C-alpha atoms as a PDB file:
ATOM      1  CA  ILE A   1      52.814 -17.755  15.490  1.00  0.00           C
ATOM      2  CA  ILE A   2      55.121 -16.758  18.245  1.00  0.00           C
ATOM      3  CA  ALA A   3      58.171 -18.114  16.705  1.00  0.00           C
ATOM      4  CA  LEU A   4      57.327 -15.933  13.472  1.00  0.00           C
ATOM      5  CA  ALA A   5      57.380 -13.200  15.665  1.00  0.00           C
ATOM      6  CA  PHE A   6      60.452 -13.668  17.357  1.00  0.00           C
ATOM      7  CA  ARG A   7      62.166 -13.881  13.860  1.00  0.00           C
ATOM      8  CA  GLN A   8      60.209 -10.681  12.225  1.00  0.00           C
ATOM      9  CA  ARG A   9      60.577  -8.416  15.483  1.00  0.00           C
ATOM     10  CA  LEU A  10      60.803  -5.330  13.393  1.00  0.00           C
ATOM     11  CA  LEU A  11      57.810  -6.135  11.124  1.00  0.00           C
ATOM     12  CA  ILE A  12      55.931  -7.011  14.278  1.00  0.00           C
ATOM     13  CA  VAL A  13      56.701  -4.049  16.096  1.00  0.00           C
ATOM     14  CA  LEU A  14      55.588  -1.805  13.188  1.00  0.00           C
ATOM     15  CA  LEU A  15      52.252  -3.657  12.771  1.00  0.00           C
ATOM     16  CA  ALA A  16      51.737  -2.966  16.698  1.00  0.00           C
ATOM     17  CA  ALA A  17      52.644   0.689  16.272  1.00  0.00           C
ATOM     18  CA  ALA A  18      50.110   1.108  13.119  1.00  0.00           C
ATOM     19  CA  ILE A  19      47.170  -0.580  15.130  1.00  0.00           C
ATOM     20  CA  VAL A  20      48.241   1.715  18.297  1.00  0.00           C
ATOM     21  CA  GLY A  21      48.131   4.510  15.621  1.00  0.00           C
ATOM     22  CA  PHE A  22      45.073   3.618  14.061  1.00  0.00           C
ATOM     23  CA  GLY A  23      43.291   3.526  17.496  1.00  0.00           C
ATOM     24  CA  ALA A  24      44.435   6.933  18.826  1.00  0.00           C
ATOM     25  CA  TRP A  25      43.301   8.648  15.522  1.00  0.00           C
ATOM     26  CA  SER A  26      39.982   6.661  15.589  1.00  0.00           C
ATOM     27  CA  LEU A  27      39.496   7.803  19.187  1.00  0.00           C
ATOM     28  CA  THR A  28      39.771  11.374  18.167  1.00  0.00           C
ATOM     29  CA  VAL A  29      36.766  11.059  15.586  1.00  0.00           C
ATOM     30  CA  LEU A  30      34.548   8.971  17.508  1.00  0.00           C
ATOM     31  CA  PRO A  31      31.352  10.687  18.172  1.00  0.00           C
ATOM     32  CA  ILE A  32      30.560  10.760  21.698  1.00  0.00           C
ATOM     33  CA  ASP A  33      27.375  11.781  23.461  1.00  0.00           C
ATOM     34  CA  ALA A  34      26.228  11.887  26.659  1.00  0.00           C
ATOM     35  CA  VAL A  35      22.951  10.240  25.885  1.00  0.00           C
ATOM     36  CA  PRO A  36      23.710   7.906  22.724  1.00  0.00           C
ATOM     37  CA  ASP A  37      21.045   7.814  20.230  1.00  0.00           C
ATOM     38  CA  VAL A  38      19.857   3.970  20.408  1.00  0.00           C
ATOM     39  CA  THR A  39      16.347   4.477  19.068  1.00  0.00           C
ATOM     40  CA  PRO A  40      14.802   3.202  15.795  1.00  0.00           C
ATOM     41  CA  THR A  41      13.386   5.106  12.869  1.00  0.00           C
ATOM     42  CA  LEU A  42      11.073   7.221  13.942  1.00  0.00           C
ATOM     43  CA  VAL A  43       8.234   8.847  11.648  1.00  0.00           C
ATOM     44  CA  GLN A  44       5.970  11.214  13.604  1.00  0.00           C
ATOM     45  CA  ILE A  45       2.612  12.496  12.283  1.00  0.00           C
ATOM     46  CA  PHE A  46       1.225  16.140  13.285  1.00  0.00           C
ATOM     47  CA  THR A  47      -2.427  17.063  13.025  1.00  0.00           C
ATOM     48  CA  GLU A  48      -4.093  19.969  14.797  1.00  0.00           C
ATOM     49  CA  ALA A  49      -7.779  20.235  15.604  1.00  0.00           C
ATOM     50  CA  PRO A  50      -8.469  23.946  16.965  1.00  0.00           C
ATOM     51  CA  GLY A  51     -11.229  23.665  19.951  1.00  0.00           C
ATOM     52  CA  LEU A  52     -11.512  19.788  20.175  1.00  0.00           C
ATOM     53  CA  ALA A  53     -11.293  18.136  23.446  1.00  0.00           C
ATOM     54  CA  PRO A  54      -8.396  14.996  23.636  1.00  0.00           C
ATOM     55  CA  GLU A  55     -11.529  12.596  23.581  1.00  0.00           C
ATOM     56  CA  GLU A  56     -12.696  13.742  20.307  1.00  0.00           C
ATOM     57  CA  VAL A  57      -8.887  14.258  18.577  1.00  0.00           C
ATOM     58  CA  GLU A  58      -8.477  10.617  19.703  1.00  0.00           C
ATOM     59  CA  GLN A  59     -11.793   9.410  18.129  1.00  0.00           C
ATOM     60  CA  ILE A  60     -11.659  11.171  14.997  1.00  0.00           C
ATOM     61  CA  ILE A  61      -8.105  11.793  14.211  1.00  0.00           C
ATOM     62  CA  THR A  62      -5.618   9.638  16.374  1.00  0.00           C
ATOM     63  CA  TYR A  63      -7.302   6.275  15.781  1.00  0.00           C
ATOM     64  CA  PRO A  64      -7.953   6.272  12.179  1.00  0.00           C
ATOM     65  CA  ILE A  65      -4.174   7.481  11.523  1.00  0.00           C
ATOM     66  CA  GLU A  66      -2.975   4.504  13.804  1.00  0.00           C
ATOM     67  CA  VAL A  67      -5.287   1.980  11.867  1.00  0.00           C
ATOM     68  CA  SER A  68      -4.059   3.191   8.516  1.00  0.00           C
ATOM     69  CA  MET A  69      -0.273   2.987   9.670  1.00  0.00           C
ATOM     70  CA  ASN A  70      -0.849  -1.105  10.724  1.00  0.00           C
ATOM     71  CA  GLY A  71       0.774  -3.247   8.539  1.00  0.00           C
ATOM     72  CA  LEU A  72       3.493  -1.183   6.962  1.00  0.00           C
ATOM     73  CA  PRO A  73       6.474  -3.171   6.424  1.00  0.00           C
ATOM     74  CA  ASP A  74       9.441  -3.147   9.038  1.00  0.00           C
ATOM     75  CA  VAL A  75       7.068  -1.233  11.484  1.00  0.00           C
ATOM     76  CA  GLN A  76       8.014  -2.129  15.343  1.00  0.00           C
ATOM     77  CA  THR A  77       5.396   0.008  17.167  1.00  0.00           C
ATOM     78  CA  ILE A  78       3.178   2.614  17.037  1.00  0.00           C
ATOM     79  CA  ARG A  79       2.535   5.156  19.783  1.00  0.00           C
ATOM     80  CA  SER A  80       0.186   8.217  19.891  1.00  0.00           C
ATOM     81  CA  LEU A  81      -0.176  11.608  22.080  1.00  0.00           C
ATOM     82  CA  THR A  82      -3.460  13.101  22.236  1.00  0.00           C
ATOM     83  CA  THR A  83      -3.749  16.552  23.730  1.00  0.00           C
ATOM     84  CA  PHE A  84      -6.093  19.147  23.303  1.00  0.00           C
ATOM     85  CA  GLY A  85      -6.380  20.227  19.775  1.00  0.00           C
ATOM     86  CA  LEU A  86      -3.383  18.373  18.921  1.00  0.00           C
ATOM     87  CA  SER A  87      -2.783  14.550  17.601  1.00  0.00           C
ATOM     88  CA  VAL A  88       0.825  13.075  17.220  1.00  0.00           C
ATOM     89  CA  VAL A  89       1.074   9.469  16.202  1.00  0.00           C
ATOM     90  CA  GLY A  90       4.751   8.215  16.208  1.00  0.00           C
ATOM     91  CA  VAL A  91       5.591   5.136  13.804  1.00  0.00           C
ATOM     92  CA  TYR A  92       8.461   3.496  14.775  1.00  0.00           C
ATOM     93  CA  PHE A  93      10.710   1.299  12.220  1.00  0.00           C
ATOM     94  CA  LYS A  94      13.233  -1.614  12.726  1.00  0.00           C
ATOM     95  CA  ASP A  95      16.845  -0.236  13.252  1.00  0.00           C
ATOM     96  CA  GLY A  96      18.773   0.394  10.423  1.00  0.00           C
ATOM     97  CA  VAL A  97      15.730   1.224   8.253  1.00  0.00           C
ATOM     98  CA  ASP A  98      16.308   4.127   6.111  1.00  0.00           C
ATOM     99  CA  ILE A  99      14.521   7.369   7.306  1.00  0.00           C
ATOM    100  CA  TYR A 100      13.454   8.679   4.074  1.00  0.00           C
ATOM    101  CA  PHE A 101      12.166   5.493   2.721  1.00  0.00           C
ATOM    102  CA  ALA A 102      10.368   5.401   5.899  1.00  0.00           C
ATOM    103  CA  ARG A 103       8.662   8.617   5.797  1.00  0.00           C
ATOM    104  CA  GLN A 104       7.900   7.822   1.922  1.00  0.00           C
ATOM    105  CA  LEU A 105       5.895   4.740   3.099  1.00  0.00           C
ATOM    106  CA  VAL A 106       4.051   6.863   5.891  1.00  0.00           C
ATOM    107  CA  SER A 107       3.159   9.529   3.521  1.00  0.00           C
ATOM    108  CA  GLU A 108       1.493   7.177   0.993  1.00  0.00           C
ATOM    109  CA  ARG A 109      -0.496   5.274   3.547  1.00  0.00           C
ATOM    110  CA  LEU A 110      -1.273   8.987   5.343  1.00  0.00           C
ATOM    111  CA  ARG A 111      -3.177   9.883   1.839  1.00  0.00           C
ATOM    112  CA  SER A 112      -6.043   7.335   2.647  1.00  0.00           C
ATOM    113  CA  ALA A 113      -6.018   8.278   6.130  1.00  0.00           C
ATOM    114  CA  VAL A 114      -6.921  11.836   5.606  1.00  0.00           C
ATOM    115  CA  GLN A 115     -10.251  10.388   3.595  1.00  0.00           C
ATOM    116  CA  GLU A 116     -11.272   9.272   6.686  1.00  0.00           C
ATOM    117  CA  ILE A 117     -10.936  12.195   8.603  1.00  0.00           C
ATOM    118  CA  PRO A 118     -13.958  14.681   9.129  1.00  0.00           C
ATOM    119  CA  PRO A 119     -13.675  18.485   7.481  1.00  0.00           C
ATOM    120  CA  GLY A 120     -12.829  21.307   9.967  1.00  0.00           C
ATOM    121  CA  VAL A 121      -9.517  20.160  11.123  1.00  0.00           C
ATOM    122  CA  SER A 122      -6.030  20.215   9.679  1.00  0.00           C
ATOM    123  CA  THR A 123      -4.369  18.561   7.075  1.00  0.00           C
ATOM    124  CA  PRO A 124      -2.059  15.859   8.699  1.00  0.00           C
ATOM    125  CA  GLU A 125       1.548  16.394   8.506  1.00  0.00           C
ATOM    126  CA  LEU A 126       4.900  14.806   8.596  1.00  0.00           C
ATOM    127  CA  GLY A 127       6.859  16.047  11.392  1.00  0.00           C
ATOM    128  CA  PRO A 128      10.734  16.824  10.962  1.00  0.00           C
ATOM    129  CA  ILE A 129      13.177  14.072  10.687  1.00  0.00           C
ATOM    130  CA  THR A 130      14.246  13.793  14.502  1.00  0.00           C
ATOM    131  CA  THR A 131      14.742  10.691  16.728  1.00  0.00           C
ATOM    132  CA  GLY A 132      12.797   9.325  19.857  1.00  0.00           C
ATOM    133  CA  LEU A 133      15.396  11.010  22.148  1.00  0.00           C
ATOM    134  CA  GLY A 134      14.307  14.577  20.330  1.00  0.00           C
ATOM    135  CA  LYS A 135      13.172  16.587  23.841  1.00  0.00           C
ATOM    136  CA  ILE A 136       9.789  18.667  23.568  1.00  0.00           C
ATOM    137  CA  TYR A 137      10.641  21.927  25.388  1.00  0.00           C
ATOM    138  CA  GLN A 138       7.346  23.830  26.645  1.00  0.00           C
ATOM    139  CA  TYR A 139       7.195  27.320  27.606  1.00  0.00           C
ATOM    140  CA  LYS A 140       4.531  29.557  27.451  1.00  0.00           C
ATOM    141  CA  VAL A 141       4.187  33.339  26.295  1.00  0.00           C
ATOM    142  CA  VAL A 142       2.556  35.931  28.889  1.00  0.00           C
ATOM    143  CA  GLY A 143       1.874  39.462  28.792  1.00  0.00           C
ATOM    144  CA  ASP A 144       0.028  41.570  31.487  1.00  0.00           C
ATOM    145  CA  GLU A 145      -0.798  44.268  28.859  1.00  0.00           C
ATOM    146  CA  TYR A 146      -2.019  41.713  25.945  1.00  0.00           C
ATOM    147  CA  ASP A 147      -4.728  39.302  25.619  1.00  0.00           C
ATOM    148  CA  LEU A 148      -4.760  35.891  24.165  1.00  0.00           C
ATOM    149  CA  MET A 149      -5.071  36.948  20.374  1.00  0.00           C
ATOM    150  CA  SER A 150      -2.123  39.361  20.513  1.00  0.00           C
ATOM    151  CA  LEU A 151      -0.278  36.642  22.718  1.00  0.00           C
ATOM    152  CA  ARG A 152      -0.875  34.044  20.160  1.00  0.00           C
ATOM    153  CA  SER A 153       0.295  36.338  17.001  1.00  0.00           C
ATOM    154  CA  LEU A 154       3.222  37.356  19.129  1.00  0.00           C
ATOM    155  CA  GLN A 155       3.972  33.619  19.344  1.00  0.00           C
ATOM    156  CA  ASP A 156       3.306  32.706  15.781  1.00  0.00           C
ATOM    157  CA  TRP A 157       5.084  35.861  14.012  1.00  0.00           C
ATOM    158  CA  VAL A 158       7.853  36.593  16.306  1.00  0.00           C
ATOM    159  CA  VAL A 159       8.759  33.977  18.747  1.00  0.00           C
ATOM    160  CA  LYS A 160       8.400  31.223  16.641  1.00  0.00           C
ATOM    161  CA  TYR A 161      10.492  32.003  13.662  1.00  0.00           C
ATOM    162  CA  HIS A 162      13.485  33.322  16.075  1.00  0.00           C
ATOM    163  CA  LEU A 163      13.523  29.762  18.071  1.00  0.00           C
ATOM    164  CA  ARG A 164      13.655  28.160  14.399  1.00  0.00           C
ATOM    165  CA  THR A 165      16.687  29.665  13.547  1.00  0.00           C
ATOM    166  CA  VAL A 166      18.368  27.880  16.800  1.00  0.00           C
ATOM    167  CA  PRO A 167      20.758  25.110  16.215  1.00  0.00           C
ATOM    168  CA  GLY A 168      19.311  21.710  16.597  1.00  0.00           C
ATOM    169  CA  VAL A 169      15.527  23.231  16.973  1.00  0.00           C
ATOM    170  CA  THR A 170      13.424  21.292  13.809  1.00  0.00           C
ATOM    171  CA  GLU A 171      10.252  22.296  14.704  1.00  0.00           C
ATOM    172  CA  VAL A 172       7.837  24.845  16.692  1.00  0.00           C
ATOM    173  CA  LEU A 173       4.362  24.164  17.358  1.00  0.00           C
ATOM    174  CA  SER A 174       1.763  26.838  18.947  1.00  0.00           C
ATOM    175  CA  LEU A 175      -0.919  25.743  21.028  1.00  0.00           C
ATOM    176  CA  GLY A 176      -3.225  27.906  22.896  1.00  0.00           C
ATOM    177  CA  GLY A 177      -4.404  31.423  22.863  1.00  0.00           C
ATOM    178  CA  HIS A 178      -6.905  32.885  19.868  1.00  0.00           C
ATOM    179  CA  VAL A 179      -5.625  32.789  16.303  1.00  0.00           C
ATOM    180  CA  LYS A 180      -6.376  36.306  14.859  1.00  0.00           C
ATOM    181  CA  GLN A 181      -8.983  35.828  12.431  1.00  0.00           C
ATOM    182  CA  TYR A 182     -11.248  38.516  10.199  1.00  0.00           C
ATOM    183  CA  GLN A 183     -14.809  37.237  10.289  1.00  0.00           C
ATOM    184  CA  VAL A 184     -17.826  38.448   7.986  1.00  0.00           C
ATOM    185  CA  LEU A 185     -21.269  38.203   9.936  1.00  0.00           C
ATOM    186  CA  VAL A 186     -23.644  37.263   7.555  1.00  0.00           C
ATOM    187  CA  ASP A 187     -27.503  38.671   7.551  1.00  0.00           C
ATOM    188  CA  PRO A 188     -30.128  36.076   5.957  1.00  0.00           C
ATOM    189  CA  GLU A 189     -32.528  38.800   5.417  1.00  0.00           C
ATOM    190  CA  LYS A 190     -30.531  41.211   3.319  1.00  0.00           C
ATOM    191  CA  LEU A 191     -29.238  38.141   1.600  1.00  0.00           C
ATOM    192  CA  ILE A 192     -32.752  37.326   0.664  1.00  0.00           C
ATOM    193  CA  SER A 193     -33.752  40.554  -0.266  1.00  0.00           C
ATOM    194  CA  TYR A 194     -30.779  41.219  -2.685  1.00  0.00           C
ATOM    195  CA  ASP A 195     -31.088  37.727  -3.895  1.00  0.00           C
ATOM    196  CA  ILE A 196     -27.608  36.632  -2.988  1.00  0.00           C
ATOM    197  CA  THR A 197     -26.332  33.131  -2.254  1.00  0.00           C
ATOM    198  CA  LEU A 198     -23.805  32.202   0.627  1.00  0.00           C
ATOM    199  CA  GLN A 199     -21.592  30.882  -2.737  1.00  0.00           C
ATOM    200  CA  GLN A 200     -21.919  34.042  -4.559  1.00  0.00           C
ATOM    201  CA  LEU A 201     -20.637  36.451  -1.153  1.00  0.00           C
ATOM    202  CA  PHE A 202     -17.614  33.650  -0.856  1.00  0.00           C
ATOM    203  CA  ARG A 203     -16.716  34.113  -4.369  1.00  0.00           C
ATOM    204  CA  ALA A 204     -17.055  37.772  -4.000  1.00  0.00           C
ATOM    205  CA  ILE A 205     -14.736  37.932  -0.862  1.00  0.00           C
ATOM    206  CA  GLU A 206     -12.143  35.676  -2.431  1.00  0.00           C
ATOM    207  CA  GLU A 207     -12.114  37.237  -5.822  1.00  0.00           C
ATOM    208  CA  ASN A 208     -11.890  40.846  -4.055  1.00  0.00           C
ATOM    209  CA  ASN A 209      -8.926  40.061  -1.364  1.00  0.00           C
ATOM    210  CA  GLU A 210      -6.062  39.323  -4.061  1.00  0.00           C
ATOM    211  CA  ASN A 211      -3.366  41.199  -5.942  1.00  0.00           C
ATOM    212  CA  VAL A 212      -3.175  40.549  -9.535  1.00  0.00           C
ATOM    213  CA  GLY A 213      -0.483  41.115 -12.621  1.00  0.00           C
ATOM    214  CA  ALA A 214      -1.493  43.022 -15.760  1.00  0.00           C
ATOM    215  CA  SER A 215       1.653  42.578 -17.652  1.00  0.00           C
ATOM    216  CA  PHE A 216       3.371  46.025 -18.358  1.00  0.00           C
ATOM    217  CA  ILE A 217       3.182  48.840 -20.231  1.00  0.00           C
ATOM    218  CA  GLU A 218       6.174  50.018 -22.790  1.00  0.00           C
ATOM    219  CA  LYS A 219       7.013  53.548 -22.762  1.00  0.00           C
ATOM    220  CA  GLY A 220       9.981  54.701 -25.096  1.00  0.00           C
ATOM    221  CA  SER A 221      12.749  52.558 -23.447  1.00  0.00           C
ATOM    222  CA  GLU A 222      10.977  51.518 -20.587  1.00  0.00           C
ATOM    223  CA  GLU A 223       8.479  49.342 -19.244  1.00  0.00           C
ATOM    224  CA  PHE A 224       6.319  49.759 -16.496  1.00  0.00           C
ATOM    225  CA  VAL A 225       4.728  46.953 -14.593  1.00  0.00           C
ATOM    226  CA  VAL A 226       1.104  47.170 -14.303  1.00  0.00           C
ATOM    227  CA  ARG A 227      -0.371  45.764 -10.614  1.00  0.00           C
ATOM    228  CA  GLY A 228      -3.867  45.607  -9.539  1.00  0.00           C
ATOM    229  CA  ILE A 229      -3.846  46.110  -5.880  1.00  0.00           C
ATOM    230  CA  GLY A 230      -6.985  44.220  -4.131  1.00  0.00           C
ATOM    231  CA  ARG A 231      -5.407  42.502  -1.106  1.00  0.00           C
ATOM    232  CA  VAL A 232      -7.081  43.524   2.254  1.00  0.00           C
ATOM    233  CA  GLN A 233      -4.558  45.611   4.171  1.00  0.00           C
ATOM    234  CA  THR A 234      -7.078  47.005   6.868  1.00  0.00           C
ATOM    235  CA  VAL A 235     -10.490  46.240   8.426  1.00  0.00           C
END
């Protein structure tokens, strides 16, 4: 090899220059991160259970989901975080598993887990595509002139949507406060006197709180759209 290098000096110099040039170019496009992502493929499952303590959330939500995820191919470990009103289950796959394939496996297995979760809690949802290094930043919305319901509405309809437009933010979860509700207080005695059942009352509320389309009316060369406005605007 040494003798060949001496006989083909020009070729060796050109080859070395090409290698150095390729190395310099690779250095300019090499992805550099202060904290390189070395985590395996991660699929997260979020389930909200407003009003439930961590112990109840773990028993009726977290545990059934964890059990249903056992046995999935290429799964390394399953971890969970249970807090007040929220269950987060993380399914870690082996390195190199396609994230979309992993999400499909979890989604299919999650359907059976939903059947074991009692009614009254939110449907489990897959979290955004992220890694184990995705940092969770917690903040609180405060205001002396606002009650807890107003602060929660401000968070859900203003702050949350603005934060989701920030590059790098994949999801924003809201916890705490009071979600705004419109409640119908039923008087059992009046239901009996008018011979009305609860199902009839529920159906009447649903049917009287929606907008419907009624095609259009032709007048000359124009068409006027007909709408039935029935959605509740104020209470």
